[in-house]
Amino acid sequence: MANNGDPGDMAVEKFRDYLLLLARLHLEEGLRRKIDPSDVVQQTLLDAHRQRQQFRGASPAEMAAWLRRMLACNLADAVRAWSRDKRNLARERRLEAAVEQSSSRIDAWLAAEQSSPSQRAMRGENVARLASALAQLPEAQREAIVLHYWQGLTLAEVGRLMSRTAASVAGLLQRGLKTLRQTLSESR
């Protein structure tokens, strides 16, 4: 069934920040020097525009899932191009599973922050808003939130990666979450 909803609700561009967050999460640091996550996201959005007639969903959540599959394929293609390795189906499946797992963590975090059934039903739409709000945070706050909440690292582990103390990371998380909540409540 083709989309009959509001075209603004289903515009692929509104998922840019969400896809960028996922791409950054799943490109190893060494590869991020060679592959720009923004380029992979741009290719994904371009593919989505070209293949828009193939989208059979009717909701923003289905659009997000469709775009995540495209992003996983484009990430695998980019990694393969840089590594000059032959096709490694196991690596591609791990990458696709990792993208889905990160998306699930984001959904779970949003669900924990929302209490009513109607708010939980809007989760798919809120993922794009969350990614956009994250993109507005200072880099250190964004990195601490992503490492702690979506990669599941402890405060001490995040501190080691960011060359900070656990107390400093806790402060970044507190300020970042406060700003996120404020930004998200203002954008409703």
C-alpha atoms as a PDB file:
ATOM      1  CA  MET A   1       0.000   0.000   0.000  1.00  0.00           C
ATOM      2  CA  ALA A   2       1.407   3.382  -0.929  1.00  0.00           C
ATOM      3  CA  ASN A   3       1.624   6.194   1.551  1.00  0.00           C
ATOM      4  CA  ASN A   4      -1.555   8.240   1.759  1.00  0.00           C
ATOM      5  CA  GLY A   5      -0.470  10.327   4.744  1.00  0.00           C
ATOM      6  CA  ASP A   6       0.724  13.866   4.976  1.00  0.00           C
ATOM      7  CA  PRO A   7       3.765  14.245   2.668  1.00  0.00           C
ATOM      8  CA  GLY A   8       5.475  16.362   5.316  1.00  0.00           C
ATOM      9  CA  ASP A   9       5.245  13.526   7.822  1.00  0.00           C
ATOM     10  CA  MET A  10       6.827  11.115   5.379  1.00  0.00           C
ATOM     11  CA  ALA A  11       9.581  13.326   3.921  1.00  0.00           C
ATOM     12  CA  VAL A  12      12.833  11.365   4.016  1.00  0.00           C
ATOM     13  CA  GLU A  13      14.815  14.530   4.774  1.00  0.00           C
ATOM     14  CA  LYS A  14      13.345  14.755   8.280  1.00  0.00           C
ATOM     15  CA  PHE A  15      15.225  11.516   9.099  1.00  0.00           C
ATOM     16  CA  ARG A  16      18.677  12.964   8.244  1.00  0.00           C
ATOM     17  CA  ASP A  17      19.797  13.548  11.846  1.00  0.00           C
ATOM     18  CA  TYR A  18      18.483  10.143  12.915  1.00  0.00           C
ATOM     19  CA  LEU A  19      20.395   8.380  10.131  1.00  0.00           C
ATOM     20  CA  LEU A  20      23.512  10.415  10.876  1.00  0.00           C
ATOM     21  CA  LEU A  21      23.368   9.343  14.517  1.00  0.00           C
ATOM     22  CA  LEU A  22      23.122   5.684  13.480  1.00  0.00           C
ATOM     23  CA  ALA A  23      25.925   6.031  10.924  1.00  0.00           C
ATOM     24  CA  ARG A  24      28.253   7.607  13.492  1.00  0.00           C
ATOM     25  CA  LEU A  25      27.463   4.841  15.956  1.00  0.00           C
ATOM     26  CA  HIS A  26      28.355   2.097  13.512  1.00  0.00           C
ATOM     27  CA  LEU A  27      31.447   3.337  11.761  1.00  0.00           C
ATOM     28  CA  GLU A  28      34.550   2.357  13.674  1.00  0.00           C
ATOM     29  CA  GLU A  29      36.719   5.304  14.627  1.00  0.00           C
ATOM     30  CA  GLY A  30      39.480   4.304  12.199  1.00  0.00           C
ATOM     31  CA  LEU A  31      37.013   4.171   9.328  1.00  0.00           C
ATOM     32  CA  ARG A  32      35.444   7.512  10.260  1.00  0.00           C
ATOM     33  CA  ARG A  33      38.698   9.125   9.141  1.00  0.00           C
ATOM     34  CA  LYS A  34      38.185   7.577   5.707  1.00  0.00           C
ATOM     35  CA  ILE A  35      34.400   7.463   5.411  1.00  0.00           C
ATOM     36  CA  ASP A  36      32.338  10.512   6.294  1.00  0.00           C
ATOM     37  CA  PRO A  37      29.043   9.424   7.928  1.00  0.00           C
ATOM     38  CA  SER A  38      27.376  12.455   6.305  1.00  0.00           C
ATOM     39  CA  ASP A  39      28.296  11.123   2.861  1.00  0.00           C
ATOM     40  CA  VAL A  40      26.738   7.733   3.636  1.00  0.00           C
ATOM     41  CA  VAL A  41      23.571   9.415   4.924  1.00  0.00           C
ATOM     42  CA  GLN A  42      23.408  11.659   1.857  1.00  0.00           C
ATOM     43  CA  GLN A  43      23.669   8.582  -0.375  1.00  0.00           C
ATOM     44  CA  THR A  44      20.919   6.894   1.653  1.00  0.00           C
ATOM     45  CA  LEU A  45      18.590   9.881   1.267  1.00  0.00           C
ATOM     46  CA  LEU A  46      19.370  10.082  -2.446  1.00  0.00           C
ATOM     47  CA  ASP A  47      18.570   6.356  -2.820  1.00  0.00           C
ATOM     48  CA  ALA A  48      15.341   6.862  -0.878  1.00  0.00           C
ATOM     49  CA  HIS A  49      14.263   9.699  -3.187  1.00  0.00           C
ATOM     50  CA  ARG A  50      15.042   7.577  -6.237  1.00  0.00           C
ATOM     51  CA  GLN A  51      13.209   4.543  -4.852  1.00  0.00           C
ATOM     52  CA  ARG A  52      10.338   6.376  -3.164  1.00  0.00           C
ATOM     53  CA  GLN A  53       7.711   4.567  -5.251  1.00  0.00           C
ATOM     54  CA  GLN A  54       8.955   1.265  -3.758  1.00  0.00           C
ATOM     55  CA  PHE A  55       8.125   2.330  -0.193  1.00  0.00           C
ATOM     56  CA  ARG A  56       5.016   0.446   0.893  1.00  0.00           C
ATOM     57  CA  GLY A  57       4.647   1.741   4.429  1.00  0.00           C
ATOM     58  CA  ALA A  58       2.152   4.183   5.820  1.00  0.00           C
ATOM     59  CA  SER A  59       3.790   5.556   8.963  1.00  0.00           C
ATOM     60  CA  PRO A  60       6.936   7.418   9.996  1.00  0.00           C
ATOM     61  CA  ALA A  61       8.064   4.297  11.926  1.00  0.00           C
ATOM     62  CA  GLU A  62       7.853   2.217   8.739  1.00  0.00           C
ATOM     63  CA  MET A  63       9.712   4.937   6.852  1.00  0.00           C
ATOM     64  CA  ALA A  64      12.450   4.905   9.523  1.00  0.00           C
ATOM     65  CA  ALA A  65      12.773   1.106   9.230  1.00  0.00           C
ATOM     66  CA  TRP A  66      12.987   1.346   5.409  1.00  0.00           C
ATOM     67  CA  LEU A  67      15.677   4.019   5.663  1.00  0.00           C
ATOM     68  CA  ARG A  68      17.626   2.031   8.301  1.00  0.00           C
ATOM     69  CA  ARG A  69      17.827  -0.942   5.919  1.00  0.00           C
ATOM     70  CA  MET A  70      19.131   1.345   3.160  1.00  0.00           C
ATOM     71  CA  LEU A  71      21.637   2.921   5.550  1.00  0.00           C
ATOM     72  CA  ALA A  72      22.923  -0.501   6.645  1.00  0.00           C
ATOM     73  CA  CYS A  73      23.473  -1.471   2.997  1.00  0.00           C
ATOM     74  CA  ASN A  74      25.218   1.806   2.216  1.00  0.00           C
ATOM     75  CA  LEU A  75      27.435   1.506   5.307  1.00  0.00           C
ATOM     76  CA  ALA A  76      28.390  -2.029   4.293  1.00  0.00           C
ATOM     77  CA  ASP A  77      29.161  -0.818   0.754  1.00  0.00           C
ATOM     78  CA  ALA A  78      31.307   2.038   2.060  1.00  0.00           C
ATOM     79  CA  VAL A  79      33.223  -0.229   4.435  1.00  0.00           C
ATOM     80  CA  ARG A  80      33.753  -2.788   1.679  1.00  0.00           C
ATOM     81  CA  ALA A  81      35.019  -0.108  -0.705  1.00  0.00           C
ATOM     82  CA  TRP A  82      37.590   1.129   1.799  1.00  0.00           C
ATOM     83  CA  SER A  83      38.714  -2.240   3.038  1.00  0.00           C
ATOM     84  CA  ARG A  84      39.071  -3.622  -0.511  1.00  0.00           C
ATOM     85  CA  ASP A  85      37.907  -6.889   0.992  1.00  0.00           C
ATOM     86  CA  LYS A  86      35.723  -9.364  -0.855  1.00  0.00           C
ATOM     87  CA  ARG A  87      32.099  -9.509   0.141  1.00  0.00           C
ATOM     88  CA  ASN A  88      31.806 -10.627   3.744  1.00  0.00           C
ATOM     89  CA  LEU A  89      28.174 -11.545   4.296  1.00  0.00           C
ATOM     90  CA  ALA A  90      28.707 -12.103   8.031  1.00  0.00           C
ATOM     91  CA  ARG A  91      30.074  -8.556   8.470  1.00  0.00           C
ATOM     92  CA  GLU A  92      27.153  -7.079   6.516  1.00  0.00           C
ATOM     93  CA  ARG A  93      24.646  -8.962   8.672  1.00  0.00           C
ATOM     94  CA  ARG A  94      26.425  -7.834  11.860  1.00  0.00           C
ATOM     95  CA  LEU A  95      26.336  -4.224  10.644  1.00  0.00           C
ATOM     96  CA  GLU A  96      22.627  -4.415   9.782  1.00  0.00           C
ATOM     97  CA  ALA A  97      21.883  -6.050  13.160  1.00  0.00           C
ATOM     98  CA  ALA A  98      23.920  -3.378  14.953  1.00  0.00           C
ATOM     99  CA  VAL A  99      21.983  -0.574  13.227  1.00  0.00           C
ATOM    100  CA  GLU A 100      18.691  -2.234  14.234  1.00  0.00           C
ATOM    101  CA  GLN A 101      19.925  -2.739  17.811  1.00  0.00           C
ATOM    102  CA  SER A 102      20.864   0.930  18.154  1.00  0.00           C
ATOM    103  CA  SER A 103      17.499   1.922  16.811  1.00  0.00           C
ATOM    104  CA  SER A 104      15.848  -0.373  19.372  1.00  0.00           C
ATOM    105  CA  ARG A 105      17.855   1.263  22.173  1.00  0.00           C
ATOM    106  CA  ILE A 106      16.713   4.702  21.008  1.00  0.00           C
ATOM    107  CA  ASP A 107      13.102   3.481  20.896  1.00  0.00           C
ATOM    108  CA  ALA A 108      13.408   1.963  24.381  1.00  0.00           C
ATOM    109  CA  TRP A 109      14.866   5.170  25.776  1.00  0.00           C
ATOM    110  CA  LEU A 110      12.023   7.178  24.287  1.00  0.00           C
ATOM    111  CA  ALA A 111       9.491   4.696  25.686  1.00  0.00           C
ATOM    112  CA  ALA A 112      10.988   5.055  29.152  1.00  0.00           C
ATOM    113  CA  GLU A 113      10.663   8.815  28.893  1.00  0.00           C
ATOM    114  CA  GLN A 114       7.003   8.643  27.823  1.00  0.00           C
ATOM    115  CA  SER A 115       4.256   7.408  30.082  1.00  0.00           C
ATOM    116  CA  SER A 116       0.922   7.370  28.247  1.00  0.00           C
ATOM    117  CA  PRO A 117      -0.060   4.893  25.515  1.00  0.00           C
ATOM    118  CA  SER A 118      -0.688   7.692  23.029  1.00  0.00           C
ATOM    119  CA  GLN A 119       2.794   9.077  23.628  1.00  0.00           C
ATOM    120  CA  ARG A 120       4.337   5.637  23.100  1.00  0.00           C
ATOM    121  CA  ALA A 121       2.427   5.329  19.827  1.00  0.00           C
ATOM    122  CA  MET A 122       4.170   8.473  18.586  1.00  0.00           C
ATOM    123  CA  ARG A 123       7.633   7.003  19.294  1.00  0.00           C
ATOM    124  CA  GLY A 124       8.453   6.451  15.622  1.00  0.00           C
ATOM    125  CA  GLU A 125       7.914  10.112  14.861  1.00  0.00           C
ATOM    126  CA  ASN A 126       9.821  11.154  17.964  1.00  0.00           C
ATOM    127  CA  VAL A 127      12.965   9.285  16.935  1.00  0.00           C
ATOM    128  CA  ALA A 128      13.604  11.838  14.199  1.00  0.00           C
ATOM    129  CA  ARG A 129      12.939  14.707  16.627  1.00  0.00           C
ATOM    130  CA  LEU A 130      15.324  13.153  19.165  1.00  0.00           C
ATOM    131  CA  ALA A 131      18.088  12.784  16.596  1.00  0.00           C
ATOM    132  CA  SER A 132      17.599  16.411  15.563  1.00  0.00           C
ATOM    133  CA  ALA A 133      17.720  17.561  19.196  1.00  0.00           C
ATOM    134  CA  LEU A 134      20.869  15.479  19.773  1.00  0.00           C
ATOM    135  CA  ALA A 135      22.514  17.129  16.785  1.00  0.00           C
ATOM    136  CA  GLN A 136      22.019  20.517  18.492  1.00  0.00           C
ATOM    137  CA  LEU A 137      23.841  19.490  21.699  1.00  0.00           C
ATOM    138  CA  PRO A 138      27.485  20.376  22.278  1.00  0.00           C
ATOM    139  CA  GLU A 139      29.668  17.548  20.987  1.00  0.00           C
ATOM    140  CA  ALA A 140      30.835  16.358  24.432  1.00  0.00           C
ATOM    141  CA  GLN A 141      27.265  16.091  25.766  1.00  0.00           C
ATOM    142  CA  ARG A 142      26.079  14.300  22.628  1.00  0.00           C
ATOM    143  CA  GLU A 143      28.994  11.856  22.755  1.00  0.00           C
ATOM    144  CA  ALA A 144      28.439  11.098  26.452  1.00  0.00           C
ATOM    145  CA  ILE A 145      24.719  10.435  25.898  1.00  0.00           C
ATOM    146  CA  VAL A 146      25.324   8.201  22.888  1.00  0.00           C
ATOM    147  CA  LEU A 147      28.080   6.207  24.591  1.00  0.00           C
ATOM    148  CA  HIS A 148      26.192   5.768  27.854  1.00  0.00           C
ATOM    149  CA  TYR A 149      22.584   5.297  26.756  1.00  0.00           C
ATOM    150  CA  TRP A 150      22.889   3.736  23.289  1.00  0.00           C
ATOM    151  CA  GLN A 151      26.137   1.863  23.521  1.00  0.00           C
ATOM    152  CA  GLY A 152      25.489   0.858  27.116  1.00  0.00           C
ATOM    153  CA  LEU A 153      28.860   1.914  28.524  1.00  0.00           C
ATOM    154  CA  THR A 154      29.313   2.708  32.210  1.00  0.00           C
ATOM    155  CA  LEU A 155      30.247   6.202  33.376  1.00  0.00           C
ATOM    156  CA  ALA A 156      33.816   5.014  34.000  1.00  0.00           C
ATOM    157  CA  GLU A 157      34.082   3.525  30.490  1.00  0.00           C
ATOM    158  CA  VAL A 158      32.690   6.678  28.910  1.00  0.00           C
ATOM    159  CA  GLY A 159      35.127   8.716  30.995  1.00  0.00           C
ATOM    160  CA  ARG A 160      38.091   6.667  29.755  1.00  0.00           C
ATOM    161  CA  LEU A 161      37.015   7.056  26.130  1.00  0.00           C
ATOM    162  CA  MET A 162      36.475  10.782  26.518  1.00  0.00           C
ATOM    163  CA  SER A 163      39.525  11.348  28.767  1.00  0.00           C
ATOM    164  CA  ARG A 164      37.300  12.634  31.584  1.00  0.00           C
ATOM    165  CA  THR A 165      36.394  11.607  35.098  1.00  0.00           C
ATOM    166  CA  ALA A 166      33.198   9.694  35.802  1.00  0.00           C
ATOM    167  CA  ALA A 167      31.900  12.755  37.697  1.00  0.00           C
ATOM    168  CA  SER A 168      32.553  14.936  34.656  1.00  0.00           C
ATOM    169  CA  VAL A 169      30.680  12.467  32.440  1.00  0.00           C
ATOM    170  CA  ALA A 170      27.769  12.473  34.901  1.00  0.00           C
ATOM    171  CA  GLY A 171      27.633  16.268  34.613  1.00  0.00           C
ATOM    172  CA  LEU A 172      27.667  16.083  30.810  1.00  0.00           C
ATOM    173  CA  LEU A 173      24.834  13.553  30.908  1.00  0.00           C
ATOM    174  CA  GLN A 174      22.788  15.635  33.325  1.00  0.00           C
ATOM    175  CA  ARG A 175      23.164  18.834  31.298  1.00  0.00           C
ATOM    176  CA  GLY A 176      22.649  17.022  27.991  1.00  0.00           C
ATOM    177  CA  LEU A 177      19.476  15.263  29.148  1.00  0.00           C
ATOM    178  CA  LYS A 178      18.077  18.483  30.594  1.00  0.00           C
ATOM    179  CA  THR A 179      18.671  20.265  27.291  1.00  0.00           C
ATOM    180  CA  LEU A 180      17.225  17.332  25.308  1.00  0.00           C
ATOM    181  CA  ARG A 181      14.054  17.269  27.390  1.00  0.00           C
ATOM    182  CA  GLN A 182      13.667  21.024  27.031  1.00  0.00           C
ATOM    183  CA  THR A 183      14.271  20.948  23.262  1.00  0.00           C
ATOM    184  CA  LEU A 184      11.874  18.041  22.765  1.00  0.00           C
ATOM    185  CA  SER A 185       9.117  19.650  24.839  1.00  0.00           C
ATOM    186  CA  GLU A 186       9.475  22.917  22.889  1.00  0.00           C
ATOM    187  CA  SER A 187       9.239  21.165  19.524  1.00  0.00           C
ATOM    188  CA  ARG A 188       5.841  19.542  20.238  1.00  0.00           C
END
